[in-house]
C-alpha atoms as a PDB file:
ATOM      1  CA  UNK A   1     -10.266  -7.738  17.845  1.00  0.00           C
ATOM      2  CA  UNK A   2      -7.076  -8.900  18.619  1.00  0.00           C
ATOM      3  CA  UNK A   3      -5.574  -6.446  21.147  1.00  0.00           C
ATOM      4  CA  UNK A   4      -2.798  -8.632  22.032  1.00  0.00           C
ATOM      5  CA  UNK A   5      -0.687  -7.083  18.967  1.00  0.00           C
ATOM      6  CA  UNK A   6      -1.600  -3.257  19.753  1.00  0.00           C
ATOM      7  CA  UNK A   7       1.384  -1.053  19.117  1.00  0.00           C
ATOM      8  CA  UNK A   8       0.718   2.755  20.340  1.00  0.00           C
ATOM      9  CA  UNK A   9       2.476   5.535  18.689  1.00  0.00           C
ATOM     10  CA  UNK A  10       3.002   9.166  19.798  1.00  0.00           C
ATOM     11  CA  UNK A  11      -0.168  10.074  18.957  1.00  0.00           C
ATOM     12  CA  UNK A  12      -2.190   7.507  20.759  1.00  0.00           C
ATOM     13  CA  UNK A  13      -3.281   5.672  17.848  1.00  0.00           C
ATOM     14  CA  UNK A  14      -3.323   1.843  18.343  1.00  0.00           C
ATOM     15  CA  UNK A  15      -2.314  -0.283  15.468  1.00  0.00           C
ATOM     16  CA  UNK A  16      -4.180  -3.764  15.953  1.00  0.00           C
ATOM     17  CA  UNK A  17      -5.195  -6.846  13.926  1.00  0.00           C
ATOM     18  CA  UNK A  18      -8.759  -6.889  13.190  1.00  0.00           C
ATOM     19  CA  UNK A  19     -11.176  -9.824  13.339  1.00  0.00           C
ATOM     20  CA  UNK A  20     -14.401 -10.501  11.223  1.00  0.00           C
ATOM     21  CA  UNK A  21     -16.199  -8.959  13.726  1.00  0.00           C
ATOM     22  CA  UNK A  22     -15.017  -5.698  12.404  1.00  0.00           C
ATOM     23  CA  UNK A  23     -16.301  -6.384   9.095  1.00  0.00           C
ATOM     24  CA  UNK A  24     -19.452  -3.837   9.269  1.00  0.00           C
ATOM     25  CA  UNK A  25     -16.480  -1.301  10.443  1.00  0.00           C
ATOM     26  CA  UNK A  26     -14.222  -1.664   7.771  1.00  0.00           C
ATOM     27  CA  UNK A  27     -16.435  -1.373   5.228  1.00  0.00           C
ATOM     28  CA  UNK A  28     -18.346   1.651   6.369  1.00  0.00           C
ATOM     29  CA  UNK A  29     -14.675   3.276   6.665  1.00  0.00           C
ATOM     30  CA  UNK A  30     -13.797   2.111   3.403  1.00  0.00           C
ATOM     31  CA  UNK A  31     -16.573   3.829   1.723  1.00  0.00           C
ATOM     32  CA  UNK A  32     -16.368   7.027   3.583  1.00  0.00           C
ATOM     33  CA  UNK A  33     -12.805   7.093   3.092  1.00  0.00           C
ATOM     34  CA  UNK A  34     -12.926   7.017  -0.759  1.00  0.00           C
ATOM     35  CA  UNK A  35     -15.888   9.102  -0.643  1.00  0.00           C
ATOM     36  CA  UNK A  36     -15.933  11.711  -3.752  1.00  0.00           C
ATOM     37  CA  UNK A  37     -12.754  10.463  -5.010  1.00  0.00           C
ATOM     38  CA  UNK A  38     -11.951   9.566  -8.961  1.00  0.00           C
ATOM     39  CA  UNK A  39     -12.547   6.176  -9.683  1.00  0.00           C
ATOM     40  CA  UNK A  40     -10.105   5.681 -11.886  1.00  0.00           C
ATOM     41  CA  UNK A  41      -7.650   6.445  -8.941  1.00  0.00           C
ATOM     42  CA  UNK A  42      -9.144   4.222  -6.200  1.00  0.00           C
ATOM     43  CA  UNK A  43     -11.226   0.833  -6.530  1.00  0.00           C
ATOM     44  CA  UNK A  44     -14.545   0.563  -4.583  1.00  0.00           C
ATOM     45  CA  UNK A  45     -14.195  -2.997  -2.934  1.00  0.00           C
ATOM     46  CA  UNK A  46     -17.375  -4.824  -2.350  1.00  0.00           C
ATOM     47  CA  UNK A  47     -18.051  -6.636   0.991  1.00  0.00           C
ATOM     48  CA  UNK A  48     -17.189  -9.785  -0.338  1.00  0.00           C
ATOM     49  CA  UNK A  49     -13.773  -8.798  -0.819  1.00  0.00           C
ATOM     50  CA  UNK A  50     -13.079  -7.877   2.865  1.00  0.00           C
ATOM     51  CA  UNK A  51     -15.281 -11.150   4.323  1.00  0.00           C
ATOM     52  CA  UNK A  52     -12.764 -13.231   1.787  1.00  0.00           C
ATOM     53  CA  UNK A  53      -9.665 -11.457   3.539  1.00  0.00           C
ATOM     54  CA  UNK A  54     -11.039 -12.513   7.026  1.00  0.00           C
ATOM     55  CA  UNK A  55     -11.738 -16.014   5.822  1.00  0.00           C
ATOM     56  CA  UNK A  56      -8.491 -16.630   4.840  1.00  0.00           C
ATOM     57  CA  UNK A  57      -6.914 -14.341   2.106  1.00  0.00           C
ATOM     58  CA  UNK A  58      -4.946 -12.486   4.681  1.00  0.00           C
ATOM     59  CA  UNK A  59      -5.280  -9.889   7.466  1.00  0.00           C
ATOM     60  CA  UNK A  60      -6.527  -6.464   8.195  1.00  0.00           C
ATOM     61  CA  UNK A  61      -4.781  -4.026  10.540  1.00  0.00           C
ATOM     62  CA  UNK A  62      -6.999  -1.285  12.439  1.00  0.00           C
ATOM     63  CA  UNK A  63      -5.910   2.143  13.587  1.00  0.00           C
ATOM     64  CA  UNK A  64      -7.970   2.817  16.587  1.00  0.00           C
ATOM     65  CA  UNK A  65      -8.670   5.844  18.903  1.00  0.00           C
ATOM     66  CA  UNK A  66      -9.781   5.502  22.498  1.00  0.00           C
ATOM     67  CA  UNK A  67     -13.425   6.252  23.024  1.00  0.00           C
ATOM     68  CA  UNK A  68     -16.374   4.417  20.904  1.00  0.00           C
ATOM     69  CA  UNK A  69     -18.341   5.277  18.173  1.00  0.00           C
ATOM     70  CA  UNK A  70     -21.810   3.902  16.873  1.00  0.00           C
ATOM     71  CA  UNK A  71     -21.099   4.095  13.217  1.00  0.00           C
ATOM     72  CA  UNK A  72     -17.896   2.019  13.866  1.00  0.00           C
ATOM     73  CA  UNK A  73     -19.277  -1.097  15.626  1.00  0.00           C
ATOM     74  CA  UNK A  74     -15.881  -1.523  17.282  1.00  0.00           C
ATOM     75  CA  UNK A  75     -16.076  -1.902  20.946  1.00  0.00           C
ATOM     76  CA  UNK A  76     -12.461  -1.553  21.961  1.00  0.00           C
ATOM     77  CA  UNK A  77     -12.078   2.018  20.275  1.00  0.00           C
ATOM     78  CA  UNK A  78     -13.095   4.482  17.195  1.00  0.00           C
ATOM     79  CA  UNK A  79     -11.836   2.897  13.964  1.00  0.00           C
ATOM     80  CA  UNK A  80     -10.237   5.431  12.276  1.00  0.00           C
ATOM     81  CA  UNK A  81      -8.222   3.581   9.606  1.00  0.00           C
ATOM     82  CA  UNK A  82      -7.361   0.278   8.211  1.00  0.00           C
ATOM     83  CA  UNK A  83      -4.761  -1.486   6.030  1.00  0.00           C
ATOM     84  CA  UNK A  84      -5.027  -4.747   4.303  1.00  0.00           C
ATOM     85  CA  UNK A  85      -2.571  -7.371   3.823  1.00  0.00           C
ATOM     86  CA  UNK A  86      -3.173 -10.133   1.160  1.00  0.00           C
ATOM     87  CA  UNK A  87      -1.122 -13.512   2.034  1.00  0.00           C
ATOM     88  CA  UNK A  88      -3.034 -15.511  -0.681  1.00  0.00           C
ATOM     89  CA  UNK A  89      -2.600 -13.835  -4.189  1.00  0.00           C
ATOM     90  CA  UNK A  90      -5.329 -14.027  -6.658  1.00  0.00           C
ATOM     91  CA  UNK A  91      -5.220 -17.079  -9.245  1.00  0.00           C
ATOM     92  CA  UNK A  92      -3.032 -15.739 -12.036  1.00  0.00           C
ATOM     93  CA  UNK A  93      -1.517 -12.843 -10.608  1.00  0.00           C
ATOM     94  CA  UNK A  94       2.307 -12.645 -12.056  1.00  0.00           C
ATOM     95  CA  UNK A  95       3.715 -10.088  -9.787  1.00  0.00           C
ATOM     96  CA  UNK A  96       6.470 -12.190  -8.959  1.00  0.00           C
ATOM     97  CA  UNK A  97       7.619 -12.529 -12.566  1.00  0.00           C
ATOM     98  CA  UNK A  98       7.317  -8.910 -13.258  1.00  0.00           C
ATOM     99  CA  UNK A  99       9.250  -8.060 -10.097  1.00  0.00           C
ATOM    100  CA  UNK A 100      12.066 -10.251 -11.259  1.00  0.00           C
ATOM    101  CA  UNK A 101      11.430 -13.085  -8.363  1.00  0.00           C
ATOM    102  CA  UNK A 102      10.414 -15.550 -11.065  1.00  0.00           C
ATOM    103  CA  UNK A 103       6.841 -16.754  -9.050  1.00  0.00           C
ATOM    104  CA  UNK A 104       4.499 -15.532  -6.181  1.00  0.00           C
ATOM    105  CA  UNK A 105       6.651 -17.614  -3.396  1.00  0.00           C
ATOM    106  CA  UNK A 106       7.318 -15.660  -0.658  1.00  0.00           C
ATOM    107  CA  UNK A 107       5.044 -12.609  -1.504  1.00  0.00           C
ATOM    108  CA  UNK A 108       2.440 -10.843  -0.107  1.00  0.00           C
ATOM    109  CA  UNK A 109       0.702  -7.798  -1.023  1.00  0.00           C
ATOM    110  CA  UNK A 110       0.044  -4.444   0.720  1.00  0.00           C
ATOM    111  CA  UNK A 111      -3.398  -4.026  -0.425  1.00  0.00           C
ATOM    112  CA  UNK A 112      -6.316  -1.095   0.019  1.00  0.00           C
ATOM    113  CA  UNK A 113      -6.066   1.367   2.774  1.00  0.00           C
ATOM    114  CA  UNK A 114      -8.454   3.755   4.419  1.00  0.00           C
ATOM    115  CA  UNK A 115      -8.171   6.580   6.757  1.00  0.00           C
ATOM    116  CA  UNK A 116     -10.944   8.689   8.202  1.00  0.00           C
ATOM    117  CA  UNK A 117     -10.918  12.209   6.143  1.00  0.00           C
ATOM    118  CA  UNK A 118     -10.663  13.764   9.603  1.00  0.00           C
ATOM    119  CA  UNK A 119      -7.552  11.822  10.708  1.00  0.00           C
ATOM    120  CA  UNK A 120      -5.844  12.213   7.318  1.00  0.00           C
ATOM    121  CA  UNK A 121      -2.210  13.963   7.069  1.00  0.00           C
ATOM    122  CA  UNK A 122      -1.127  12.663  10.370  1.00  0.00           C
ATOM    123  CA  UNK A 123       0.914   9.879   8.973  1.00  0.00           C
ATOM    124  CA  UNK A 124      -1.043   7.058   9.277  1.00  0.00           C
ATOM    125  CA  UNK A 125      -1.021   5.648   5.890  1.00  0.00           C
ATOM    126  CA  UNK A 126       2.703   5.293   6.415  1.00  0.00           C
ATOM    127  CA  UNK A 127       1.902   3.501   9.902  1.00  0.00           C
ATOM    128  CA  UNK A 128      -0.110   0.932   8.380  1.00  0.00           C
ATOM    129  CA  UNK A 129       2.149   0.678   5.829  1.00  0.00           C
ATOM    130  CA  UNK A 130       4.855  -0.315   8.344  1.00  0.00           C
ATOM    131  CA  UNK A 131       2.897  -2.324  10.319  1.00  0.00           C
ATOM    132  CA  UNK A 132       2.082  -4.712   7.485  1.00  0.00           C
ATOM    133  CA  UNK A 133       5.351  -5.189   6.360  1.00  0.00           C
ATOM    134  CA  UNK A 134       6.370  -5.969   9.706  1.00  0.00           C
ATOM    135  CA  UNK A 135       3.259  -8.611  10.011  1.00  0.00           C
ATOM    136  CA  UNK A 136       3.997  -9.962   6.611  1.00  0.00           C
ATOM    137  CA  UNK A 137       7.726 -10.803   7.828  1.00  0.00           C
ATOM    138  CA  UNK A 138       6.377 -12.452  10.988  1.00  0.00           C
ATOM    139  CA  UNK A 139       4.150 -14.696   8.483  1.00  0.00           C
ATOM    140  CA  UNK A 140       7.559 -15.845   6.316  1.00  0.00           C
ATOM    141  CA  UNK A 141       7.042 -13.489   3.414  1.00  0.00           C
ATOM    142  CA  UNK A 142      10.228 -12.282   1.864  1.00  0.00           C
ATOM    143  CA  UNK A 143       8.757  -9.683  -0.125  1.00  0.00           C
ATOM    144  CA  UNK A 144       5.844  -7.475  -0.128  1.00  0.00           C
ATOM    145  CA  UNK A 145       4.353  -5.476  -3.309  1.00  0.00           C
ATOM    146  CA  UNK A 146       1.558  -3.068  -4.139  1.00  0.00           C
ATOM    147  CA  UNK A 147      -0.050  -1.045  -6.786  1.00  0.00           C
ATOM    148  CA  UNK A 148      -0.881   2.620  -6.964  1.00  0.00           C
ATOM    149  CA  UNK A 149      -2.650   5.006  -9.706  1.00  0.00           C
ATOM    150  CA  UNK A 150      -0.060   7.256 -11.185  1.00  0.00           C
ATOM    151  CA  UNK A 151      -2.464  10.299 -10.068  1.00  0.00           C
ATOM    152  CA  UNK A 152      -2.861   8.716  -6.603  1.00  0.00           C
ATOM    153  CA  UNK A 153       0.634  10.631  -5.805  1.00  0.00           C
ATOM    154  CA  UNK A 154      -0.222  10.212  -2.124  1.00  0.00           C
ATOM    155  CA  UNK A 155      -0.172   6.632  -2.265  1.00  0.00           C
ATOM    156  CA  UNK A 156       2.930   5.889  -4.135  1.00  0.00           C
ATOM    157  CA  UNK A 157       4.467   8.474  -2.369  1.00  0.00           C
ATOM    158  CA  UNK A 158       3.788   6.874   0.980  1.00  0.00           C
ATOM    159  CA  UNK A 159       5.328   3.497  -0.248  1.00  0.00           C
ATOM    160  CA  UNK A 160       8.123   4.968  -1.609  1.00  0.00           C
ATOM    161  CA  UNK A 161       8.700   6.807   1.867  1.00  0.00           C
ATOM    162  CA  UNK A 162       8.767   2.993   3.372  1.00  0.00           C
ATOM    163  CA  UNK A 163      11.446   1.723   1.044  1.00  0.00           C
ATOM    164  CA  UNK A 164       9.321   0.626  -2.218  1.00  0.00           C
ATOM    165  CA  UNK A 165      10.363   1.114  -5.726  1.00  0.00           C
ATOM    166  CA  UNK A 166       8.472   1.429  -8.952  1.00  0.00           C
ATOM    167  CA  UNK A 167       9.266  -1.875 -10.734  1.00  0.00           C
ATOM    168  CA  UNK A 168       6.445  -1.930 -13.651  1.00  0.00           C
ATOM    169  CA  UNK A 169       3.239  -0.396 -14.780  1.00  0.00           C
ATOM    170  CA  UNK A 170       0.861  -2.554 -15.172  1.00  0.00           C
ATOM    171  CA  UNK A 171      -2.905  -2.541 -16.157  1.00  0.00           C
ATOM    172  CA  UNK A 172      -5.475  -3.680 -13.723  1.00  0.00           C
ATOM    173  CA  UNK A 173      -9.269  -3.696 -13.450  1.00  0.00           C
ATOM    174  CA  UNK A 174      -9.634  -3.817 -17.212  1.00  0.00           C
ATOM    175  CA  UNK A 175      -7.731  -1.044 -19.032  1.00  0.00           C
ATOM    176  CA  UNK A 176      -6.255   1.203 -15.761  1.00  0.00           C
ATOM    177  CA  UNK A 177      -2.554   1.918 -15.607  1.00  0.00           C
ATOM    178  CA  UNK A 178      -1.281   1.259 -12.334  1.00  0.00           C
ATOM    179  CA  UNK A 179       2.379   1.423 -10.808  1.00  0.00           C
ATOM    180  CA  UNK A 180       3.732  -1.838  -9.497  1.00  0.00           C
ATOM    181  CA  UNK A 181       6.277  -1.033  -6.357  1.00  0.00           C
ATOM    182  CA  UNK A 182       8.229  -3.652  -4.667  1.00  0.00           C
ATOM    183  CA  UNK A 183      10.472  -4.109  -1.533  1.00  0.00           C
ATOM    184  CA  UNK A 184      12.029  -6.934   0.191  1.00  0.00           C
ATOM    185  CA  UNK A 185      10.435  -7.019   3.529  1.00  0.00           C
ATOM    186  CA  UNK A 186      13.804  -7.172   5.805  1.00  0.00           C
ATOM    187  CA  UNK A 187      15.638  -4.213   4.034  1.00  0.00           C
ATOM    188  CA  UNK A 188      13.723  -1.092   2.498  1.00  0.00           C
ATOM    189  CA  UNK A 189      15.041  -0.227  -0.994  1.00  0.00           C
ATOM    190  CA  UNK A 190      17.685   2.833  -0.825  1.00  0.00           C
ATOM    191  CA  UNK A 191      19.087   4.473  -3.968  1.00  0.00           C
ATOM    192  CA  UNK A 192      21.445   7.191  -4.434  1.00  0.00           C
ATOM    193  CA  UNK A 193      20.475  10.619  -3.635  1.00  0.00           C
ATOM    194  CA  UNK A 194      21.298  11.456  -7.248  1.00  0.00           C
ATOM    195  CA  UNK A 195      19.096   9.764  -9.794  1.00  0.00           C
ATOM    196  CA  UNK A 196      20.240   8.506 -13.343  1.00  0.00           C
ATOM    197  CA  UNK A 197      16.822   9.853 -14.775  1.00  0.00           C
ATOM    198  CA  UNK A 198      13.604  11.764 -14.003  1.00  0.00           C
ATOM    199  CA  UNK A 199      10.558  11.112 -15.675  1.00  0.00           C
ATOM    200  CA  UNK A 200       7.345  13.099 -15.159  1.00  0.00           C
ATOM    201  CA  UNK A 201       4.843  10.978 -12.957  1.00  0.00           C
ATOM    202  CA  UNK A 202       2.053  11.631 -15.314  1.00  0.00           C
ATOM    203  CA  UNK A 203       3.988  10.350 -18.210  1.00  0.00           C
ATOM    204  CA  UNK A 204       3.751   6.817 -17.967  1.00  0.00           C
ATOM    205  CA  UNK A 205       5.115   5.985 -21.671  1.00  0.00           C
ATOM    206  CA  UNK A 206       8.528   7.567 -20.003  1.00  0.00           C
ATOM    207  CA  UNK A 207       8.353   5.506 -16.908  1.00  0.00           C
ATOM    208  CA  UNK A 208       7.933   2.351 -18.880  1.00  0.00           C
ATOM    209  CA  UNK A 209      11.042   3.539 -20.967  1.00  0.00           C
ATOM    210  CA  UNK A 210      13.013   4.149 -17.823  1.00  0.00           C
ATOM    211  CA  UNK A 211      11.799   0.457 -16.588  1.00  0.00           C
ATOM    212  CA  UNK A 212      12.763  -0.772 -19.768  1.00  0.00           C
ATOM    213  CA  UNK A 213      16.271   0.250 -19.623  1.00  0.00           C
ATOM    214  CA  UNK A 214      16.672  -1.543 -16.341  1.00  0.00           C
ATOM    215  CA  UNK A 215      15.922   1.133 -14.021  1.00  0.00           C
ATOM    216  CA  UNK A 216      13.297   1.255 -11.216  1.00  0.00           C
ATOM    217  CA  UNK A 217      12.096   4.153  -9.530  1.00  0.00           C
ATOM    218  CA  UNK A 218      12.238   4.835  -5.539  1.00  0.00           C
ATOM    219  CA  UNK A 219      12.545   8.517  -5.663  1.00  0.00           C
ATOM    220  CA  UNK A 220      10.364  11.441  -6.000  1.00  0.00           C
ATOM    221  CA  UNK A 221      10.321  15.337  -6.448  1.00  0.00           C
ATOM    222  CA  UNK A 222       8.080  18.115  -6.976  1.00  0.00           C
ATOM    223  CA  UNK A 223       7.991  19.532 -10.531  1.00  0.00           C
ATOM    224  CA  UNK A 224       6.839  23.223 -10.570  1.00  0.00           C
ATOM    225  CA  UNK A 225       3.763  24.220  -8.568  1.00  0.00           C
ATOM    226  CA  UNK A 226       1.701  20.869  -9.033  1.00  0.00           C
ATOM    227  CA  UNK A 227       3.428  18.290 -11.054  1.00  0.00           C
ATOM    228  CA  UNK A 228       5.490  15.558  -9.689  1.00  0.00           C
ATOM    229  CA  UNK A 229       8.871  13.495 -11.095  1.00  0.00           C
ATOM    230  CA  UNK A 230       9.704  10.001 -10.413  1.00  0.00           C
ATOM    231  CA  UNK A 231      13.886   9.761 -10.320  1.00  0.00           C
ATOM    232  CA  UNK A 232      15.053   6.514 -11.501  1.00  0.00           C
ATOM    233  CA  UNK A 233      18.493   4.522 -10.761  1.00  0.00           C
ATOM    234  CA  UNK A 234      19.637   1.079 -11.966  1.00  0.00           C
ATOM    235  CA  UNK A 235      17.927  -1.713 -10.380  1.00  0.00           C
ATOM    236  CA  UNK A 236      20.993  -3.197  -8.718  1.00  0.00           C
ATOM    237  CA  UNK A 237      21.682   0.105  -6.962  1.00  0.00           C
ATOM    238  CA  UNK A 238      18.683  -0.810  -4.714  1.00  0.00           C
ATOM    239  CA  UNK A 239      18.121  -4.575  -4.864  1.00  0.00           C
ATOM    240  CA  UNK A 240      19.314  -6.359  -1.943  1.00  0.00           C
END
């Protein structure tokens, strides 16, 4: 674990860059964080995925608190969250083209995040997103993107809160729909308070229609007691 990069937030949580020694801790936390969740909303990762990240595909930021926990194996503290930053994208990934950048050059991915169930609701996912955006910029990347299942509302709302906007609907892991979200590293997307259109978040055909009309979705609102809407604006109004 590299404590030189540590950042302490107001609640005493440290955000640190993890190294390969934390592999077991990250893998265990990953499985604990997705236990009981719909596999259509989150993708269980194999150990080899995290091994690949530590071996050069990117970096993993860890959220730790004081103390130790035999189950984590992280000597510097108790691991309560992690976030993956992919800097080497998979062969054939066309995120850059879909975003409108022309290629994947200068593009990194805000990938999987896991938070210990006992520490949810404290803003750790947003903090891990912010730290990875910062690190992407430190590494010279100009843009970051992420994917989130339409039904994984916590994920895409946290990304929107950090300046991302929905720019496409893609198929992942075979036939699972995912929202593709993007933001420039150096500037969060900002949009008018009043969007041009609202679409139900669970109606991906309507979302696709809005995107096909040249709009992007950086906003959301509650729709009744349970549903959510996504707010769309012209892409020129939120691009740098």
